[in-house]
Each structure stands twice: as C-alpha cells, then as structure tokens.
Protein backbone atom coordinates (compact mmCIF):
# COMPACT_ATOMS: atom_id res chain seq x y z
CA UNK A 1 118.07 -245.92 -56.43
CA UNK A 2 116.27 -245.73 -53.58
CA UNK A 3 118.88 -243.88 -51.01
CA UNK A 4 119.30 -247.42 -48.06
CA UNK A 5 121.53 -245.10 -45.26
CA UNK A 6 118.42 -242.75 -44.18
CA UNK A 7 117.59 -244.78 -41.94
CA UNK A 8 120.79 -244.93 -40.45
CA UNK A 9 121.86 -241.34 -40.19
CA UNK A 10 118.52 -239.90 -39.13
CA UNK A 11 118.61 -242.54 -35.98
CA UNK A 12 122.08 -242.19 -35.64
CA UNK A 13 121.72 -238.21 -35.74
CA UNK A 14 118.71 -238.65 -33.11
CA UNK A 15 120.95 -240.30 -31.03
CA UNK A 16 123.92 -237.62 -30.63
CA UNK A 17 122.00 -235.48 -30.19
CA UNK A 18 120.00 -236.72 -27.21
CA UNK A 19 123.45 -237.65 -25.60
CA UNK A 20 123.81 -233.95 -25.00
CA UNK A 21 121.03 -233.58 -23.14
CA UNK A 22 122.45 -234.22 -19.00
CA UNK A 23 124.34 -231.58 -19.62
CA UNK A 24 122.20 -228.85 -21.42
CA UNK A 25 119.33 -230.09 -18.19
CA UNK A 26 121.59 -229.46 -15.39
CA UNK A 27 122.46 -226.22 -16.94
CA UNK A 28 118.59 -225.43 -17.34
CA UNK A 29 119.40 -223.31 -20.47
CA UNK A 30 116.22 -223.34 -22.68
CA UNK A 31 117.31 -222.72 -26.33
CA UNK A 32 119.42 -225.73 -25.45
CA UNK A 33 117.36 -228.13 -24.67
CA UNK A 34 114.80 -226.56 -27.26
CA UNK A 35 117.07 -226.97 -30.21
CA UNK A 36 117.96 -230.56 -28.14
CA UNK A 37 114.24 -231.82 -28.29
CA UNK A 38 113.77 -230.54 -31.54
CA UNK A 39 117.01 -232.11 -33.06
CA UNK A 40 115.73 -235.67 -31.70
CA UNK A 41 112.27 -235.53 -32.57
CA UNK A 42 112.11 -233.96 -36.57
CA UNK A 43 115.75 -236.68 -36.73
CA UNK A 44 112.91 -239.70 -34.94
CA UNK A 45 110.17 -238.97 -37.51
CA UNK A 46 112.85 -238.36 -40.78
CA UNK A 47 114.13 -242.47 -39.45
CA UNK A 48 110.29 -243.61 -39.21
CA UNK A 49 109.71 -242.07 -41.85
CA UNK A 50 112.39 -243.64 -44.62
CA UNK A 51 111.79 -247.10 -42.37
CA UNK A 52 107.99 -247.18 -43.05
CA UNK A 53 107.91 -245.95 -46.87
CA UNK A 54 111.29 -247.68 -48.35
CA UNK A 55 110.18 -247.63 -52.05
CA UNK A 56 106.62 -247.59 -51.43
CA UNK A 57 104.23 -244.48 -51.82
CA UNK A 58 101.57 -246.48 -49.28
CA UNK A 59 98.66 -244.02 -47.66
CA UNK A 60 98.52 -245.46 -44.57
CA UNK A 61 100.11 -243.87 -41.04
CA UNK A 62 98.16 -240.90 -41.98
CA UNK A 63 96.67 -239.85 -38.49
CA UNK A 64 100.71 -240.25 -37.78
CA UNK A 65 101.82 -237.93 -40.79
CA UNK A 66 98.76 -235.72 -39.76
CA UNK A 67 101.09 -235.10 -36.55
CA UNK A 68 104.32 -235.33 -38.10
CA UNK A 69 103.92 -232.98 -40.56
CA UNK A 70 102.58 -230.67 -38.52
CA UNK A 71 105.72 -230.70 -35.96
CA UNK A 72 107.84 -230.74 -38.94
CA UNK A 73 106.49 -227.39 -40.03
CA UNK A 74 106.83 -225.72 -36.18
CA UNK A 75 110.69 -226.82 -36.08
CA UNK A 76 111.17 -224.59 -39.78
CA UNK A 77 110.91 -221.73 -37.02
CA UNK A 78 111.33 -223.35 -33.81
CA UNK A 79 115.62 -223.75 -34.46
CA UNK A 80 115.42 -220.33 -35.64
CA UNK A 81 114.42 -219.30 -32.81
CA UNK A 82 116.57 -221.20 -30.36
CA UNK A 83 119.49 -220.37 -32.42
CA UNK A 84 118.02 -216.11 -31.69
CA UNK A 85 117.36 -216.48 -27.93
CA UNK A 86 121.15 -218.34 -27.86
CA UNK A 87 122.97 -215.23 -29.43
CA UNK A 88 120.79 -212.50 -27.38
CA UNK A 89 121.59 -213.85 -23.96
CA UNK A 90 125.40 -214.20 -24.55
CA UNK A 91 125.38 -210.65 -25.93
CA UNK A 92 123.51 -209.39 -22.32
CA UNK A 93 125.74 -212.03 -20.83
CA UNK A 94 128.79 -210.12 -22.17
CA UNK A 95 127.32 -207.12 -21.78
CA UNK A 96 129.35 -205.30 -19.22
CA UNK A 97 126.32 -203.11 -18.32
CA UNK A 98 123.73 -205.89 -18.21
CA UNK A 99 124.47 -208.07 -15.35
CA UNK A 100 121.64 -210.65 -14.82
CA UNK A 101 121.87 -211.74 -10.69
CA UNK A 102 118.68 -212.52 -9.91
CA UNK A 103 116.48 -215.76 -10.16
CA UNK A 104 113.60 -213.70 -11.12
CA UNK A 105 115.90 -212.05 -14.51
CA UNK A 106 116.40 -215.76 -15.26
CA UNK A 107 112.95 -216.73 -14.47
CA UNK A 108 112.19 -213.85 -16.74
CA UNK A 109 113.98 -215.16 -19.41
CA UNK A 110 113.13 -218.87 -19.60
CA UNK A 111 109.53 -217.82 -19.73
CA UNK A 112 110.28 -215.60 -23.04
CA UNK A 113 112.08 -218.82 -24.55
CA UNK A 114 109.48 -221.30 -23.19
CA UNK A 115 107.15 -218.71 -25.82
CA UNK A 116 110.17 -218.35 -28.30
CA UNK A 117 110.68 -221.82 -28.69
CA UNK A 118 107.20 -223.73 -28.31
CA UNK A 119 104.52 -221.47 -28.53
CA UNK A 120 105.80 -219.30 -31.04
CA UNK A 121 105.86 -222.92 -33.16
CA UNK A 122 102.68 -224.20 -31.73
CA UNK A 123 100.96 -220.75 -33.07
CA UNK A 124 103.05 -220.99 -36.47
CA UNK A 125 101.78 -224.65 -37.03
CA UNK A 126 98.35 -223.45 -36.91
CA UNK A 127 98.70 -220.72 -39.03
CA UNK A 128 100.12 -222.95 -41.39
CA UNK A 129 96.71 -223.93 -42.50
CA UNK A 130 96.23 -220.94 -44.08
CA UNK A 131 98.26 -221.75 -47.17
CA UNK A 132 97.88 -225.32 -46.93
CA UNK A 133 96.85 -227.04 -50.00
CA UNK A 134 95.72 -230.56 -49.08
CA UNK A 135 96.24 -232.59 -46.27
CA UNK A 136 99.78 -233.67 -46.60
CA UNK A 137 101.86 -235.53 -49.17
CA UNK A 138 103.69 -238.64 -49.01
CA UNK A 139 107.12 -238.94 -50.66
CA UNK A 140 108.46 -242.41 -51.89
CA UNK A 141 111.66 -242.82 -49.25
CA UNK A 142 111.10 -240.22 -47.71
CA UNK A 143 108.03 -240.30 -46.08
CA UNK A 144 104.97 -237.96 -45.04
CA UNK A 145 105.81 -233.70 -45.91
CA UNK A 146 103.24 -231.06 -44.96
CA UNK A 147 101.77 -229.38 -48.28
CA UNK A 148 102.55 -225.55 -48.71
CA UNK A 149 100.21 -223.89 -51.49
CA UNK A 150 102.99 -221.82 -52.85
CA UNK A 151 102.01 -218.43 -53.46
CA UNK A 152 102.82 -214.95 -52.29
CA UNK A 153 101.65 -215.61 -48.72
CA UNK A 154 103.33 -218.57 -48.02
CA UNK A 155 106.08 -216.97 -49.28
CA UNK A 156 105.99 -214.06 -46.62
CA UNK A 157 104.64 -216.58 -43.72
CA UNK A 158 106.11 -219.78 -44.17
CA UNK A 159 109.82 -218.80 -44.92
CA UNK A 160 110.64 -215.02 -44.37
CA UNK A 161 110.17 -215.23 -40.53
CA UNK A 162 113.19 -217.99 -40.48
CA UNK A 163 115.11 -215.42 -42.28
CA UNK A 164 114.05 -212.57 -39.52
CA UNK A 165 115.49 -214.51 -36.89
CA UNK A 166 118.98 -215.77 -38.12
CA UNK A 167 119.25 -211.86 -39.59
CA UNK A 168 118.93 -211.12 -35.89
CA UNK A 169 120.99 -213.88 -34.62
CA UNK A 170 124.28 -212.48 -37.26
CA UNK A 171 123.33 -209.13 -35.60
CA UNK A 172 123.66 -210.69 -31.71
CA UNK A 173 126.59 -213.29 -32.70
CA UNK A 174 128.61 -209.97 -33.99
CA UNK A 175 127.82 -208.22 -30.80
CA UNK A 176 128.30 -211.13 -28.66
CA UNK A 177 132.37 -211.74 -30.74
CA UNK A 178 133.02 -208.02 -29.84
CA UNK A 179 131.75 -208.12 -26.63
CA UNK A 180 134.38 -210.90 -25.95
CA UNK A 181 137.04 -209.10 -27.72
CA UNK A 182 136.36 -205.98 -25.52
CA UNK A 183 136.63 -207.68 -22.28
CA UNK A 184 138.93 -210.64 -23.55
CA UNK A 185 141.52 -209.62 -20.82
CA UNK A 186 138.76 -209.78 -17.53
CA UNK A 187 136.33 -212.33 -19.72
CA UNK A 188 135.83 -215.30 -17.27
CA UNK A 189 135.41 -212.11 -14.35
CA UNK A 190 132.76 -211.20 -16.10
CA UNK A 191 131.19 -214.11 -16.80
CA UNK A 192 131.67 -215.04 -13.42
CA UNK A 193 129.90 -212.18 -12.11
CA UNK A 194 126.60 -212.20 -14.76
CA UNK A 195 125.56 -215.68 -12.66
CA UNK A 196 125.02 -216.63 -15.73
CA UNK A 197 127.27 -220.66 -15.15
CA UNK A 198 129.18 -220.02 -18.00
CA UNK A 199 132.99 -220.38 -18.72
CA UNK A 200 134.81 -218.64 -21.71
CA UNK A 201 135.02 -221.64 -23.35
CA UNK A 202 130.89 -222.48 -22.98
CA UNK A 203 130.77 -219.37 -24.11
CA UNK A 204 132.41 -219.61 -27.35
CA UNK A 205 131.39 -222.85 -27.49
CA UNK A 206 127.77 -221.69 -27.39
CA UNK A 207 127.95 -218.47 -30.08
CA UNK A 208 129.96 -220.82 -32.59
CA UNK A 209 127.42 -223.60 -32.62
CA UNK A 210 124.38 -221.00 -33.06
CA UNK A 211 126.28 -218.92 -35.93
CA UNK A 212 126.50 -222.23 -37.52
CA UNK A 213 123.14 -223.72 -37.24
CA UNK A 214 121.84 -219.95 -38.40
CA UNK A 215 124.69 -220.25 -41.31
CA UNK A 216 122.95 -223.67 -42.27
CA UNK A 217 119.39 -222.35 -41.62
CA UNK A 218 120.09 -219.40 -44.09
CA UNK A 219 121.16 -221.53 -46.39
CA UNK A 220 118.44 -224.42 -46.46
CA UNK A 221 115.63 -221.19 -46.70
CA UNK A 222 117.16 -219.43 -49.46
CA UNK A 223 117.40 -223.24 -51.32
CA UNK A 224 113.29 -224.11 -50.28
CA UNK A 225 113.11 -220.35 -51.52
CA UNK A 226 114.56 -220.46 -54.82
CA UNK A 227 113.50 -224.13 -55.13
CA UNK A 228 109.89 -222.78 -54.95
CA UNK A 229 109.68 -220.26 -56.64
CA UNK A 230 110.53 -222.53 -60.03
CA UNK A 231 106.50 -223.58 -59.33
CA UNK A 232 105.28 -220.02 -57.91
CA UNK A 233 100.78 -219.86 -58.18
CA UNK A 234 98.38 -216.72 -57.55
CA UNK A 235 96.85 -216.11 -55.18
CA UNK A 236 93.34 -216.10 -55.62
CA UNK A 237 91.11 -217.05 -52.24
CA UNK A 238 91.27 -219.19 -49.29
CA UNK A 239 87.87 -221.42 -51.18
CA UNK A 240 89.99 -222.12 -54.41
CA UNK A 241 93.44 -222.93 -52.53
CA UNK A 242 91.51 -224.93 -50.06
CA UNK A 243 89.43 -227.34 -52.98
CA UNK A 244 89.79 -230.23 -51.97
CA UNK A 245 91.89 -230.23 -49.07
CA UNK A 246 91.68 -233.87 -47.59
CA UNK A 247 93.12 -235.47 -51.04
CA UNK A 248 96.59 -237.18 -50.58
CA UNK A 249 99.26 -236.44 -52.98
CA UNK A 250 102.64 -239.55 -53.63
CA UNK A 251 105.32 -238.76 -55.50
CA UNK A 252 106.67 -242.01 -56.89
CA UNK A 253 110.80 -240.81 -57.39
CA UNK A 254 110.57 -242.47 -60.65
CA UNK A 255 108.62 -240.02 -62.29
CA UNK A 256 110.11 -237.48 -59.87
CA UNK A 257 113.42 -235.11 -62.25
CA UNK A 258 116.64 -235.45 -61.05
CA UNK A 259 116.60 -231.52 -59.66
CA UNK A 260 113.49 -232.65 -57.06
CA UNK A 261 114.99 -235.54 -56.31
CA UNK A 262 118.44 -233.56 -55.75
CA UNK A 263 116.46 -231.52 -54.13
CA UNK A 264 114.92 -233.33 -51.38
CA UNK A 265 118.22 -235.16 -50.73
CA UNK A 266 119.82 -232.64 -49.93
CA UNK A 267 117.39 -230.57 -47.53
CA UNK A 268 116.65 -233.98 -45.92
CA UNK A 269 120.26 -233.95 -45.22
CA UNK A 270 120.00 -230.69 -43.20
CA UNK A 271 118.61 -231.89 -39.71
CA UNK A 272 121.05 -234.65 -39.28
CA UNK A 273 123.79 -231.99 -40.09
CA UNK A 274 122.84 -229.60 -38.03
CA UNK A 275 122.52 -232.66 -35.47
CA UNK A 276 126.26 -233.61 -36.50
CA UNK A 277 127.15 -230.30 -35.79
CA UNK A 278 125.06 -229.60 -33.06
CA UNK A 279 126.71 -232.96 -31.29
CA UNK A 280 130.80 -231.79 -32.22
CA UNK A 281 129.95 -228.30 -30.33
CA UNK A 282 129.12 -230.18 -26.68
CA UNK A 283 130.82 -233.71 -27.08
CA UNK A 284 134.25 -233.18 -27.31
CA UNK A 285 135.22 -230.49 -23.78
CA UNK A 286 136.81 -231.28 -21.67
CA UNK A 287 134.32 -231.43 -18.79
CA UNK A 288 131.40 -233.21 -21.83
CA UNK A 289 134.29 -235.86 -21.69
CA UNK A 290 134.47 -236.02 -17.50
CA UNK A 291 130.35 -235.93 -17.16
CA UNK A 292 130.77 -238.63 -19.85
CA UNK A 293 133.26 -240.40 -17.34
CA UNK A 294 130.62 -240.21 -14.44
CA UNK A 295 127.79 -241.26 -16.72
CA UNK A 296 129.90 -244.44 -18.15
CA UNK A 297 130.57 -245.23 -14.02
CA UNK A 298 126.59 -244.38 -12.45
CA UNK A 299 125.86 -247.06 -15.05
CA UNK A 300 128.52 -249.80 -14.94
CA UNK A 301 127.61 -249.27 -10.67
CA UNK A 302 123.69 -249.62 -10.96
CA UNK A 303 123.17 -250.85 -13.95
CA UNK A 304 125.55 -253.86 -14.86
CA UNK A 305 126.68 -253.83 -10.56
CA UNK A 306 130.45 -253.44 -11.11
CA UNK A 307 131.50 -251.77 -8.16
CA UNK A 308 135.36 -250.02 -9.74
CA UNK A 309 137.85 -249.57 -6.83
CA UNK A 310 138.08 -246.60 -5.52
CA UNK A 311 140.56 -244.11 -7.93
CA UNK A 312 139.97 -245.84 -11.04
CA UNK A 313 138.71 -243.00 -14.05
CA UNK A 314 139.93 -240.51 -11.13
CA UNK A 315 136.26 -241.09 -9.07
CA UNK A 316 135.51 -242.16 -5.84
CA UNK A 317 132.89 -244.74 -5.83
CA UNK A 318 130.56 -242.51 -3.90
CA UNK A 319 130.69 -239.41 -6.18
CA UNK A 320 130.92 -241.58 -9.62
CA UNK A 321 127.58 -240.14 -10.29
CA UNK A 322 128.75 -237.38 -10.63
CA UNK A 323 126.24 -235.37 -8.70
CA UNK A 324 127.69 -235.29 -5.93
CA UNK A 325 127.49 -230.95 -4.61
CA UNK A 326 130.31 -232.40 -1.53
CA UNK A 327 133.73 -232.53 -2.69
CA UNK A 328 135.43 -236.06 -1.26
CA UNK A 329 138.89 -235.49 -0.27
CA UNK A 330 139.95 -238.35 -1.98
CA UNK A 331 138.16 -236.85 -5.42
CA UNK A 332 141.31 -235.88 -8.00
CA UNK A 333 138.63 -234.58 -10.66
CA UNK A 334 135.85 -232.02 -9.36
CA UNK A 335 133.53 -232.43 -11.81
CA UNK A 336 132.08 -229.17 -13.70
CA UNK A 337 128.59 -227.78 -14.51
CA UNK A 338 127.03 -228.98 -17.23
CA UNK A 339 127.38 -226.08 -21.03
C-alpha cells in the first residue's frame, strides 16, 4: 500500500526548519544556516517527488531528477560536515586557551564553514559520477533517486566520508562537553569573553543538536552500508560501470520485496526526523518564543494593518519588529540575539 502521508510529512518538516531561519540568520552561524538550507531543500524535494510519483513510475521531469539526485548526494556529506563545524566551533569557544575575539577570526571560520558545507558537497556531487551506474532511478511513491554502482570504490567514496565526519564530530562534542564541565562555574563569563554571541543555553542546545544529528547519520549510514553490502558487485573498469549510462531504471513497489520497501520507507524518514530534531532544539527556548512573538506582532502590524496597544505581549509598538538596537524605557521584554 502506498504511504499517503509522505508529501504532508515532507512539506511540514520543511516548514518547521524554515521557522528557525531568522534566529540563525541573525547569529550569522554558517554551519547552522547550512543545515537549515540543506534540510529545507531535501524536504521540498521529497515532498514534490512524493506528489509527482504517487503510485506512478512514469519517466517524467527528467531535468528535475537530474538536478535533485545530485542535490541528494550533496546533502549526504553536507549535513555531517555542518555538524562537525558546529562541534569544532563549540570546542574552540569553550577552550579557555582559544578565544576568538576578532572579526578576522570570525571571517576565517565562516569561509572554512562555507567551503565545508557547500563547496565540499559540490565537489562530492561531481565525484559521484565515478561510481554512478546510470542516470537515475525512479521508485514508485518516492520519486527519483541517484544511482550508485555498488562496489568497494563506491563505499569508500560515498559512504565512508560521512562516517569520518561523524567520528570527528563525536570527538569534538566530547571535548566541548569536557570543557563545559571543567569551566562550568565560570562558563557564562567564558562565553561572554569569547565574543561568540553564545549563551550557556544556546551552547548546550547546539552541542546536543549536533550530537543527536550525528547519531542519526551514523545509524543511517550503517544501515545503508549493510543494505548495499547485500548486492556488492566487483569493479571492472570505468567503461563497463558506465555502460548504457543514459538509461533510467524504474521500480514499481509491487515488485519490490518487503525488506527493500521497509528500507526505503525507513531511510526516507531520516531527513524529516532530522528536521524535527533540529526544530525542537531551537523552537522552544525562551529566546525563540520571544522572537516568534515579535515576528508575529510585526506581521500583524505590517501585513494585516493591526496596531495593538502599547504593552501587549510585553512590547512597545516602535520595537515590535524585534530589530531595534535601542532600548525603550517602556519596553518590558528585551529581545535576545539569535541562538
């Protein structure tokens, strides 16, 4: 039976991730912004595919499939890389011997994170061609997916690098936790001196989020490695692997064994579940609630033309957008910076 909930789950997950964008944008944290971007795009791709190929395996929207199959490949390395960048930054901030207090340091870190979160995935998309057996696959109800010639080179090129990033993330997350426990009595002052814009609450949420996301990555990568090892093929030569490269294979669910269907269903939910985890860590803190309230009031004022009385929701009218840098004597709540 076709799972009818797939497009609703995917689009809802995309919306939840997008809700957190203003806070991360104001913090100018490249790694978390990269996670928002990749999770949002992949969820949209999953949702569109689930609509187009619901109970269908027709070969259509081939340009869309060419593009999205590459993006799916890129996300496989981009998300672990972003988690690694977050954990490395947290460990550096919490280390009393490493205090980033200059714009040059912050700019350097942002450039490195841009290269790892966007440049490396683009390179990885291109390298995937080496182990790409044909154009792409179309799976009923799930849409188009990238094809990989299952072999030892494919394992080393496609599935091992995310595990390496995951290992580095675990190491640096452990270091970040160790530094936190070591300096817990003066940790707030340490974060303030680092000029990182982090509070203890944000620090712990980022660390927990990165570790949780990386656990999901390890589980999914291990599951994929196990599944692909069942159909491992020998690598002969480049010409043989790419023979009849332009073909598009289609897979009706009626002909797929239950084990394969369960695998596709479980791995499909990894991205929406990761999006929900990401949203949960940033949407229910007091800072996030305050900013959501301010954004809601800004929309009421500037979109619907409603002018609430001063003091409602603890915000004066002139500071209702939450972006004013000056404090009003009538202001009851001080909007924090982004987490």
